[in-house]
Amino acid sequence: MYVITNDIKSPSLDLPVGQRVPFDWKAKPVLPDGVTITELHWHSQELLETDHARLRITVAVDVRENKRIEVIALRTRNVLGTLDIRFAHVFQIFELPLGLNEALIAVREGIGLRMIEGEAPLWFFTGDLATGSIEPVHLPHFMIGDAKDPLESFKDRFNSLASIQPFGWMEGCVLDGLLDSGFIPTARQHLELFVKNNELTYEDPRSRPSDGCFYGIESTLPIAMLTKLDPAHSLVDRAVQFMKEHTDRQGIIKDGDTLSAEGSYTIAYPLSVIAAHRGDRELARLAFKQLELRRALLWEGGALYLRRQDDGTRSFRNWGRAYAWHLLGLIRTLEQLKDKELLSNHQLKLIEDEYRVTLRQVYEFRSARGLWSCFVDQEESGVDTSASAGIAASLAIADRIGIRLFNGKADAAHTAASLCRYLTPDGLMTGTAQSNKNGEELQRSGYRVISQMAMGLLGQLSAAVSDE
């Protein structure tokens, strides 16, 4: 149950020049002066026949720093807790658990939000449920108990706009999970928010309008799902053109001087989907080339790296999501092309062999619960639910297409069961390593967040486990 804020009092402030809130949704700021308070009020006193509640807000504009938001009761000025918000992306939900007495005080007095660390305003979503596509979970609210099993609640949240993510790799993870799960109308609803009159309308990872273009190679993942739903859509051709324009002399499609493991999933896989729909050998070979060159350049000393620069330097050694992206790109590309006679048997075997090598490598670090750490060979870096879901999803997909490794779907199901322990009562996924905007330091810190992107990976995993 969501008890949504009825009234918000905040200072008047314009958005930073060059940034935009998505979908014409409304947003309010918390100022960084350490003094000014943004007020949240509830008119209803219906709370709360439960022993706890979670106060939540959702980020509306990209964050490129560490912020701490003090939550205070307005009348007594008692500090109820602090929201720890580090390098957050749009649609990211942050929560502060409160005991029943604290929640009752908060509802009766109203809550004040005051920034005690940070240099720029924090923008969070506000608005009226009756005037747009915004979901209750995106508005400031208390979440109180849910009578459903968390997995059932997960399906409810996932199969809605509550799972929306920024356009690109994050939303692509969600769309893949929605299509795999059979939630086709919801996938279309997601895409319709970003594609209007056959044009892309969205913001890049820095909340800058990127209408009518692709911001980089991570932005093309949703084209795989758009192709599955509408293969003749004009954006499919434009995505192919973009990818060809970003191909270097070696044949690598990349941004600038950086080769990344993400490209296995965000470039090779969409190309394979388009190739399969069109029977296009050239695109199939281009997809294969992306995987072949990443196999050649992202490994060093028996470890997979997320990134390699043109000067030969590498970073994010054995990072869990690097394995997830590479494995998902390999196995989904193979699934798309294996029966289409667009690649030679030798090329298909090389993709399968790279999948097997990569999975065996990461399986050395799988925990007894079927989970992986943020840096897979460093247990002290802590479990990352997104990496765990992505790796296990690839295993279940491999089993689905006849590649038997370890215990196949049984192992994937074990991971899925362990991940369900990280769901909130209303079905959101916790325990995810933050997006890597702040480099390896933040990734190694143990900081974890709620993530709809990780919900997308769990949706892919759950769907593949249940496939017969």
Protein backbone atom coordinates (compact mmCIF):
# COMPACT_ATOMS: atom_id res chain seq x y z
CA MET A 1 0.00 0.00 0.00
CA TYR A 2 1.24 3.46 -0.89
CA VAL A 3 0.33 6.51 1.21
CA ILE A 4 1.18 9.31 -1.20
CA THR A 5 2.13 12.83 -0.19
CA ASN A 6 -0.78 15.25 -0.63
CA ASP A 7 1.10 18.54 -0.52
CA ILE A 8 4.71 19.55 -1.21
CA LYS A 9 6.18 22.93 -0.34
CA SER A 10 9.51 23.66 -1.96
CA PRO A 11 11.53 26.67 -3.04
CA SER A 12 10.96 27.96 -6.56
CA LEU A 13 13.82 26.92 -8.81
CA ASP A 14 14.39 26.32 -12.50
CA LEU A 15 16.02 23.16 -13.80
CA PRO A 16 19.68 23.49 -14.78
CA VAL A 17 20.09 24.77 -18.33
CA GLY A 18 20.28 21.90 -20.78
CA GLN A 19 18.58 19.30 -18.57
CA ARG A 20 15.03 17.96 -18.69
CA VAL A 21 12.66 15.86 -16.61
CA PRO A 22 11.33 12.92 -18.65
CA PHE A 23 7.81 12.57 -20.06
CA ASP A 24 6.74 16.07 -18.93
CA TRP A 25 6.48 14.73 -15.40
CA LYS A 26 6.76 17.25 -12.57
CA ALA A 27 9.67 17.56 -10.16
CA LYS A 28 10.61 19.55 -7.05
CA PRO A 29 14.05 20.36 -5.63
CA VAL A 30 15.86 19.99 -2.34
CA LEU A 31 18.39 22.83 -2.14
CA PRO A 32 22.05 22.24 -1.21
CA ASP A 33 22.41 25.09 1.29
CA GLY A 34 21.95 22.93 4.39
CA VAL A 35 19.22 25.25 5.67
CA THR A 36 16.27 25.39 3.27
CA ILE A 37 13.70 22.67 3.89
CA THR A 38 11.42 21.06 1.31
CA GLU A 39 8.20 20.01 3.05
CA LEU A 40 6.10 16.89 2.47
CA HIS A 41 2.60 16.82 3.97
CA TRP A 42 -0.16 14.22 4.25
CA HIS A 43 -3.77 15.35 4.69
CA SER A 44 -4.96 11.87 5.57
CA GLN A 45 -4.27 10.38 8.99
CA GLU A 46 -5.25 6.86 7.89
CA LEU A 47 -1.86 5.36 8.71
CA LEU A 48 -0.73 2.72 9.66
CA GLU A 49 -1.76 -0.64 10.88
CA THR A 50 1.71 -2.05 10.56
CA ASP A 51 4.91 -2.06 12.56
CA HIS A 52 7.01 -0.21 9.99
CA ALA A 53 6.88 1.98 6.89
CA ARG A 54 9.31 3.08 4.21
CA LEU A 55 9.52 6.72 3.17
CA ARG A 56 10.47 6.98 -0.50
CA ILE A 57 11.34 9.55 -3.12
CA THR A 58 12.38 8.98 -6.76
CA VAL A 59 15.18 10.86 -8.50
CA ALA A 60 14.06 12.98 -11.47
CA VAL A 61 17.37 14.45 -12.72
CA ASP A 62 20.79 12.82 -13.00
CA VAL A 63 23.04 13.05 -9.92
CA ARG A 64 26.84 13.27 -10.26
CA GLU A 65 27.89 13.47 -6.61
CA ASN A 66 27.26 12.04 -3.16
CA LYS A 67 24.26 13.55 -1.42
CA ARG A 68 22.86 13.10 2.07
CA ILE A 69 19.29 14.23 2.67
CA GLU A 70 18.27 14.62 6.29
CA VAL A 71 14.65 13.69 7.01
CA ILE A 72 13.13 15.65 9.89
CA ALA A 73 9.74 15.91 11.61
CA LEU A 74 8.56 19.44 10.89
CA ARG A 75 7.12 20.43 14.28
CA THR A 76 9.58 18.84 16.67
CA ARG A 77 12.58 19.06 14.29
CA ASN A 78 13.52 15.52 15.32
CA VAL A 79 15.81 13.87 12.81
CA LEU A 80 14.14 10.67 11.60
CA GLY A 81 17.02 9.49 9.43
CA THR A 82 19.10 10.24 6.35
CA LEU A 83 18.78 9.30 2.69
CA ASP A 84 22.16 8.32 1.26
CA ILE A 85 22.06 9.15 -2.45
CA ARG A 86 25.24 8.60 -4.47
CA PHE A 87 25.57 9.19 -8.22
CA ALA A 88 21.93 8.32 -8.79
CA HIS A 89 20.21 8.01 -12.14
CA VAL A 90 16.71 9.08 -13.13
CA PHE A 91 13.85 6.83 -11.88
CA GLN A 92 16.00 5.54 -9.02
CA ILE A 93 13.98 5.03 -5.85
CA PHE A 94 15.49 5.75 -2.43
CA GLU A 95 13.87 4.77 0.83
CA LEU A 96 14.21 5.35 4.56
CA PRO A 97 12.72 2.61 6.78
CA LEU A 98 10.83 4.03 9.77
CA GLY A 99 9.29 2.42 12.81
CA LEU A 100 5.58 2.83 13.42
CA ASN A 101 5.97 5.67 15.94
CA GLU A 102 8.33 7.59 13.66
CA ALA A 103 5.98 7.11 10.70
CA LEU A 104 2.99 8.35 12.69
CA ILE A 105 4.95 11.43 13.76
CA ALA A 106 6.00 12.03 10.16
CA VAL A 107 2.42 11.87 8.86
CA ARG A 108 1.01 14.07 11.61
CA GLU A 109 3.73 16.73 11.53
CA GLY A 110 4.85 16.51 7.94
CA ILE A 111 8.39 15.79 6.85
CA GLY A 112 11.21 18.13 5.98
CA LEU A 113 13.97 17.23 3.52
CA ARG A 114 17.24 19.10 4.08
CA MET A 115 20.47 18.49 2.16
CA ILE A 116 23.46 18.18 4.48
CA GLU A 117 25.92 16.96 1.84
CA GLY A 118 26.00 17.87 -1.83
CA GLU A 119 26.69 20.85 -4.09
CA ALA A 120 23.73 20.75 -6.49
CA PRO A 121 19.96 20.54 -5.93
CA LEU A 122 18.31 17.14 -5.79
CA TRP A 123 15.25 16.88 -8.02
CA PHE A 124 12.57 14.30 -7.24
CA PHE A 125 9.31 13.41 -8.97
CA THR A 126 6.02 14.95 -7.85
CA GLY A 127 2.64 15.24 -9.50
CA ASP A 128 -0.87 13.92 -9.74
CA LEU A 129 -1.69 10.32 -10.59
CA ALA A 130 -4.72 11.48 -12.55
CA THR A 131 -2.77 13.66 -15.00
CA GLY A 132 -0.18 11.37 -16.55
CA SER A 133 1.62 8.07 -16.81
CA ILE A 134 3.45 8.36 -13.50
CA GLU A 135 3.06 5.44 -11.12
CA PRO A 136 2.39 5.73 -7.37
CA VAL A 137 5.83 4.29 -6.61
CA HIS A 138 7.48 7.27 -8.33
CA LEU A 139 5.76 9.85 -6.11
CA PRO A 140 6.86 10.69 -2.55
CA HIS A 141 5.08 8.13 -0.38
CA PHE A 142 5.10 5.76 2.51
CA MET A 143 5.11 2.13 1.52
CA ILE A 144 3.47 0.00 4.18
CA GLY A 145 3.01 -3.77 4.26
CA ASP A 146 1.96 -5.87 1.31
CA ALA A 147 -0.14 -8.97 1.85
CA LYS A 148 1.14 -10.62 -1.31
CA ASP A 149 4.19 -12.80 -1.63
CA PRO A 150 7.11 -10.54 -2.70
CA LEU A 151 7.49 -12.48 -5.95
CA GLU A 152 3.85 -11.81 -6.83
CA SER A 153 4.35 -8.16 -5.94
CA PHE A 154 7.45 -8.19 -8.14
CA LYS A 155 5.37 -9.31 -11.10
CA ASP A 156 2.85 -6.51 -10.43
CA ARG A 157 5.53 -3.81 -10.22
CA PHE A 158 7.52 -5.22 -13.14
CA ASN A 159 4.49 -5.51 -15.41
CA SER A 160 3.79 -1.77 -15.20
CA LEU A 161 5.42 1.60 -15.69
CA ALA A 162 6.89 1.24 -12.21
CA SER A 163 9.76 -0.62 -13.91
CA ILE A 164 10.58 2.19 -16.35
CA GLN A 165 14.26 3.08 -16.69
CA PRO A 166 16.32 5.63 -18.64
CA PHE A 167 16.36 4.84 -22.35
CA GLY A 168 19.36 2.71 -23.26
CA TRP A 169 20.97 -0.25 -21.56
CA MET A 170 18.88 0.07 -18.39
CA GLU A 171 15.53 0.19 -20.15
CA GLY A 172 16.76 -2.51 -22.52
CA CYS A 173 17.21 -4.92 -19.61
CA VAL A 174 13.64 -4.21 -18.56
CA LEU A 175 12.18 -4.55 -22.06
CA ASP A 176 13.96 -7.87 -22.60
CA GLY A 177 12.48 -9.16 -19.35
CA LEU A 178 9.01 -7.90 -20.25
CA LEU A 179 9.04 -9.59 -23.66
CA ASP A 180 10.46 -12.81 -22.23
CA SER A 181 7.72 -12.80 -19.59
CA GLY A 182 4.95 -12.28 -22.13
CA PHE A 183 4.14 -8.78 -20.86
CA ILE A 184 3.86 -7.43 -24.40
CA PRO A 185 1.35 -4.60 -23.79
CA THR A 186 3.53 -3.23 -20.99
CA ALA A 187 6.62 -3.38 -23.20
CA ARG A 188 4.75 -1.40 -25.85
CA GLN A 189 3.60 1.07 -23.20
CA HIS A 190 7.22 1.59 -22.14
CA LEU A 191 8.39 2.14 -25.70
CA GLU A 192 5.56 4.56 -26.47
CA LEU A 193 6.92 6.89 -23.78
CA PHE A 194 10.23 7.13 -25.63
CA VAL A 195 9.10 6.86 -29.27
CA LYS A 196 6.64 9.48 -30.43
CA ASN A 197 5.67 9.99 -34.08
CA ASN A 198 8.45 7.57 -35.04
CA GLU A 199 11.04 9.75 -33.29
CA LEU A 200 13.07 9.09 -30.16
CA THR A 201 12.19 11.50 -27.34
CA TYR A 202 14.34 10.95 -24.30
CA GLU A 203 17.24 12.17 -22.16
CA ASP A 204 20.81 10.87 -22.11
CA PRO A 205 22.47 9.65 -18.86
CA ARG A 206 23.14 13.27 -17.87
CA SER A 207 19.46 14.26 -18.28
CA ARG A 208 20.23 16.19 -21.48
CA PRO A 209 17.60 15.98 -24.24
CA SER A 210 18.72 13.53 -26.92
CA ASP A 211 15.67 13.62 -29.13
CA GLY A 212 16.04 12.10 -32.55
CA CYS A 213 19.44 10.51 -32.01
CA PHE A 214 21.34 7.75 -30.20
CA TYR A 215 23.64 9.03 -27.46
CA GLY A 216 26.07 6.10 -27.72
CA ILE A 217 26.38 2.35 -28.10
CA GLU A 218 24.58 1.69 -24.82
CA SER A 219 21.47 3.44 -26.18
CA THR A 220 20.81 0.89 -28.92
CA LEU A 221 19.82 -2.10 -26.76
CA PRO A 222 16.06 -1.26 -26.84
CA ILE A 223 16.19 -1.53 -30.65
CA ALA A 224 16.42 -5.31 -30.22
CA MET A 225 13.02 -5.33 -28.56
CA LEU A 226 11.56 -2.72 -30.93
CA THR A 227 12.63 -4.96 -33.81
CA LYS A 228 10.88 -7.96 -32.26
CA LEU A 229 7.67 -5.93 -31.88
CA ASP A 230 7.83 -3.83 -35.06
CA PRO A 231 10.64 -4.96 -37.40
CA ALA A 232 9.71 -2.42 -40.08
CA HIS A 233 9.96 0.58 -37.73
CA SER A 234 12.08 3.40 -39.17
CA LEU A 235 14.21 3.55 -36.02
CA VAL A 236 15.59 0.10 -36.79
CA ASP A 237 17.25 1.36 -39.98
CA ARG A 238 18.51 4.43 -38.17
CA ALA A 239 20.04 2.30 -35.44
CA VAL A 240 21.86 0.21 -38.05
CA GLN A 241 23.13 3.39 -39.68
CA PHE A 242 24.32 4.70 -36.31
CA MET A 243 26.17 1.48 -35.55
CA LYS A 244 27.87 1.39 -38.93
CA GLU A 245 28.95 5.01 -38.51
CA HIS A 246 30.57 4.09 -35.18
CA THR A 247 32.59 1.19 -36.58
CA ASP A 248 36.38 1.64 -36.44
CA ARG A 249 38.99 0.22 -38.78
CA GLN A 250 39.11 -3.07 -36.88
CA GLY A 251 35.36 -3.45 -37.21
CA ILE A 252 34.58 -2.61 -33.58
CA ILE A 253 31.45 -0.59 -32.91
CA LYS A 254 32.31 1.55 -29.92
CA ASP A 255 32.18 5.02 -28.36
CA GLY A 256 35.39 7.00 -28.83
CA ASP A 257 38.48 5.04 -27.79
CA THR A 258 36.65 2.69 -25.41
CA LEU A 259 35.79 -0.94 -26.12
CA SER A 260 33.31 -2.26 -23.55
CA ALA A 261 31.75 -5.56 -22.57
CA GLU A 262 28.36 -3.83 -22.69
CA GLY A 263 28.65 -3.88 -26.47
CA SER A 264 28.21 -7.65 -26.53
CA TYR A 265 24.67 -7.07 -25.27
CA THR A 266 23.88 -3.54 -26.51
CA ILE A 267 25.36 -3.88 -30.04
CA ALA A 268 25.94 -7.53 -31.07
CA TYR A 269 22.57 -8.70 -29.78
CA PRO A 270 20.43 -5.98 -31.45
CA LEU A 271 22.33 -6.54 -34.69
CA SER A 272 21.60 -10.26 -34.46
CA VAL A 273 17.89 -9.62 -33.93
CA ILE A 274 17.73 -7.33 -36.96
CA ALA A 275 19.78 -9.78 -39.04
CA ALA A 276 17.52 -12.68 -38.08
CA HIS A 277 14.36 -10.77 -39.01
CA ARG A 278 15.80 -9.64 -42.34
CA GLY A 279 17.87 -12.67 -43.27
CA ASP A 280 20.81 -10.26 -43.54
CA ARG A 281 24.22 -11.98 -43.62
CA GLU A 282 26.13 -8.69 -43.51
CA LEU A 283 24.51 -7.68 -40.21
CA ALA A 284 24.95 -11.18 -38.82
CA ARG A 285 28.67 -11.04 -39.62
CA LEU A 286 28.87 -7.56 -38.06
CA ALA A 287 27.26 -8.92 -34.88
CA PHE A 288 29.73 -11.81 -34.86
CA LYS A 289 32.63 -9.37 -35.31
CA GLN A 290 31.63 -7.50 -32.15
CA LEU A 291 31.77 -10.67 -30.10
CA GLU A 292 34.96 -11.93 -31.74
CA LEU A 293 36.89 -8.73 -31.07
CA ARG A 294 35.64 -8.44 -27.51
CA ARG A 295 36.77 -12.02 -26.94
CA ALA A 296 40.20 -11.05 -28.25
CA LEU A 297 40.62 -7.75 -26.41
CA LEU A 298 38.71 -7.81 -23.10
CA TRP A 299 40.51 -10.81 -21.58
CA GLU A 300 43.90 -10.55 -19.93
CA GLY A 301 45.58 -12.94 -17.51
CA GLY A 302 42.49 -15.13 -17.27
CA ALA A 303 40.27 -12.22 -16.20
CA LEU A 304 37.52 -10.40 -18.08
CA TYR A 305 37.60 -6.60 -18.08
CA LEU A 306 34.69 -4.27 -18.62
CA ARG A 307 36.67 -1.76 -20.69
CA ARG A 308 39.73 -1.54 -22.88
CA GLN A 309 41.10 1.74 -24.19
CA ASP A 310 42.84 2.07 -27.54
CA ASP A 311 46.16 2.52 -25.72
CA GLY A 312 45.76 -0.99 -24.26
CA THR A 313 44.80 -0.04 -20.71
CA ARG A 314 41.94 -1.94 -19.10
CA SER A 315 39.64 -1.30 -16.15
CA PHE A 316 36.98 -3.01 -14.02
CA ARG A 317 38.79 -6.35 -13.80
CA ASN A 318 36.38 -9.23 -13.11
CA TRP A 319 33.46 -6.87 -12.53
CA GLY A 320 30.27 -8.88 -12.18
CA ARG A 321 28.13 -6.94 -14.63
CA ALA A 322 30.86 -7.15 -17.27
CA TYR A 323 30.36 -10.94 -17.16
CA ALA A 324 26.58 -10.48 -17.28
CA TRP A 325 26.73 -8.23 -20.37
CA HIS A 326 29.19 -10.43 -22.21
CA LEU A 327 27.33 -13.65 -21.40
CA LEU A 328 23.91 -12.23 -22.28
CA GLY A 329 25.25 -10.79 -25.53
CA LEU A 330 26.85 -14.09 -26.50
CA ILE A 331 23.95 -16.38 -25.68
CA ARG A 332 21.20 -14.11 -27.01
CA THR A 333 23.11 -13.54 -30.25
CA LEU A 334 23.60 -17.27 -30.59
CA GLU A 335 19.90 -17.88 -29.91
CA GLN A 336 18.95 -15.43 -32.65
CA LEU A 337 21.33 -16.76 -35.32
CA LYS A 338 21.87 -20.46 -34.66
CA ASP A 339 19.18 -21.76 -37.06
CA LYS A 340 19.19 -18.96 -39.61
CA GLU A 341 22.12 -20.02 -41.85
CA LEU A 342 23.47 -16.46 -41.66
CA LEU A 343 26.77 -17.48 -40.03
CA SER A 344 28.99 -20.45 -40.73
CA ASN A 345 29.00 -23.39 -38.33
CA HIS A 346 32.53 -22.38 -37.39
CA GLN A 347 31.39 -18.87 -36.42
CA LEU A 348 28.48 -20.22 -34.39
CA LYS A 349 30.85 -22.62 -32.64
CA LEU A 350 33.21 -19.76 -31.75
CA ILE A 351 30.33 -17.87 -30.11
CA GLU A 352 29.30 -20.97 -28.17
CA ASP A 353 32.90 -21.72 -27.15
CA GLU A 354 33.37 -18.15 -25.87
CA TYR A 355 30.13 -18.47 -23.92
CA ARG A 356 31.31 -21.73 -22.34
CA VAL A 357 34.75 -20.31 -21.44
CA THR A 358 33.24 -17.16 -19.92
CA LEU A 359 30.63 -19.03 -17.90
CA ARG A 360 33.15 -21.54 -16.57
CA GLN A 361 35.42 -18.69 -15.51
CA VAL A 362 32.72 -16.84 -13.59
CA TYR A 363 31.34 -20.06 -12.10
CA GLU A 364 34.56 -20.43 -10.11
CA PHE A 365 33.30 -17.56 -7.96
CA ARG A 366 29.64 -18.54 -7.56
CA SER A 367 28.57 -18.65 -3.92
CA ALA A 368 26.67 -21.46 -2.23
CA ARG A 369 23.52 -19.33 -2.60
CA GLY A 370 24.06 -19.10 -6.35
CA LEU A 371 25.08 -15.44 -6.25
CA TRP A 372 28.08 -13.41 -7.37
CA SER A 373 29.93 -10.49 -5.83
CA CYS A 374 30.27 -7.07 -7.44
CA PHE A 375 33.84 -8.02 -8.38
CA VAL A 376 33.38 -11.74 -8.75
CA ASP A 377 36.77 -12.77 -7.37
CA GLN A 378 36.53 -10.44 -4.36
CA GLU A 379 33.93 -11.68 -1.91
CA GLU A 380 34.52 -8.60 0.24
CA SER A 381 33.03 -6.44 -2.54
CA GLY A 382 29.61 -7.87 -1.63
CA VAL A 383 26.79 -9.54 -3.53
CA ASP A 384 25.46 -7.68 -6.56
CA THR A 385 21.92 -8.78 -7.40
CA SER A 386 22.06 -7.38 -10.95
CA ALA A 387 25.22 -9.27 -11.92
CA SER A 388 23.85 -12.43 -10.31
CA ALA A 389 20.54 -12.18 -12.19
CA GLY A 390 22.23 -11.45 -15.52
CA ILE A 391 24.74 -14.29 -15.28
CA ALA A 392 22.08 -16.79 -14.19
CA ALA A 393 19.66 -15.60 -16.89
CA SER A 394 22.29 -16.38 -19.51
CA LEU A 395 22.66 -19.89 -18.06
CA ALA A 396 18.91 -20.54 -18.26
CA ILE A 397 18.77 -19.21 -21.84
CA ALA A 398 21.71 -21.47 -22.76
CA ASP A 399 19.82 -24.43 -21.33
CA ARG A 400 16.76 -23.39 -23.33
CA ILE A 401 18.68 -23.58 -26.62
CA GLY A 402 20.33 -26.88 -25.78
CA ILE A 403 23.67 -25.82 -24.28
CA ARG A 404 23.99 -27.82 -21.06
CA LEU A 405 26.46 -26.43 -18.54
CA PHE A 406 26.72 -27.20 -14.83
CA ASN A 407 23.19 -27.88 -13.57
CA GLY A 408 21.54 -25.63 -16.12
CA LYS A 409 18.09 -24.41 -15.19
CA ALA A 410 18.34 -25.97 -11.72
CA ASP A 411 21.28 -23.70 -10.91
CA ALA A 412 19.52 -20.71 -12.46
CA ALA A 413 16.40 -21.43 -10.40
CA HIS A 414 18.54 -21.58 -7.25
CA THR A 415 19.89 -18.11 -8.06
CA ALA A 416 16.37 -16.82 -8.70
CA ALA A 417 15.18 -18.13 -5.33
CA SER A 418 18.10 -16.45 -3.57
CA LEU A 419 17.43 -13.16 -5.37
CA CYS A 420 13.81 -13.16 -4.20
CA ARG A 421 15.13 -12.59 -0.68
CA TYR A 422 16.29 -9.17 -1.87
CA LEU A 423 12.81 -8.04 -2.94
CA THR A 424 11.00 -5.39 -0.93
CA PRO A 425 7.47 -6.26 0.24
CA ASP A 426 6.09 -4.48 -2.83
CA GLY A 427 8.44 -6.31 -5.19
CA LEU A 428 11.33 -3.92 -5.90
CA MET A 429 14.84 -5.34 -6.24
CA THR A 430 17.43 -4.23 -3.71
CA GLY A 431 21.09 -5.16 -3.34
CA THR A 432 22.23 -3.78 -6.70
CA ALA A 433 25.62 -2.14 -7.17
CA GLN A 434 25.10 1.45 -8.30
CA SER A 435 25.63 2.44 -11.93
CA ASN A 436 29.33 2.93 -12.51
CA LYS A 437 29.40 6.70 -13.05
CA ASN A 438 31.86 7.14 -10.18
CA GLY A 439 34.30 4.46 -11.22
CA GLU A 440 35.64 1.50 -9.31
CA GLU A 441 35.79 3.24 -5.92
CA LEU A 442 32.00 3.37 -5.57
CA GLN A 443 31.68 -0.18 -6.90
CA ARG A 444 34.05 -1.46 -4.21
CA SER A 445 32.37 0.49 -1.40
CA GLY A 446 29.53 -1.96 -0.73
CA TYR A 447 26.94 0.73 -1.51
CA ARG A 448 23.73 -0.83 -2.83
CA VAL A 449 20.50 0.55 -4.31
CA ILE A 450 17.00 -0.34 -5.45
CA SER A 451 17.09 -1.00 -9.19
CA GLN A 452 14.41 -1.56 -11.81
CA MET A 453 17.21 -2.51 -14.23
CA ALA A 454 17.95 -5.44 -11.92
CA MET A 455 14.23 -6.23 -11.94
CA GLY A 456 14.54 -6.54 -15.71
CA LEU A 457 17.37 -9.04 -15.34
CA LEU A 458 15.38 -10.97 -12.74
CA GLY A 459 12.44 -10.94 -15.18
CA GLN A 460 14.70 -12.45 -17.86
CA LEU A 461 15.93 -15.05 -15.40
CA SER A 462 12.48 -15.99 -14.12
CA ALA A 463 11.08 -16.29 -17.63
CA ALA A 464 13.96 -18.49 -18.84
CA VAL A 465 13.74 -20.72 -15.77
CA SER A 466 10.02 -21.29 -16.36
CA ASP A 467 10.38 -21.98 -20.10
CA GLU A 468 9.60 -25.53 -21.10
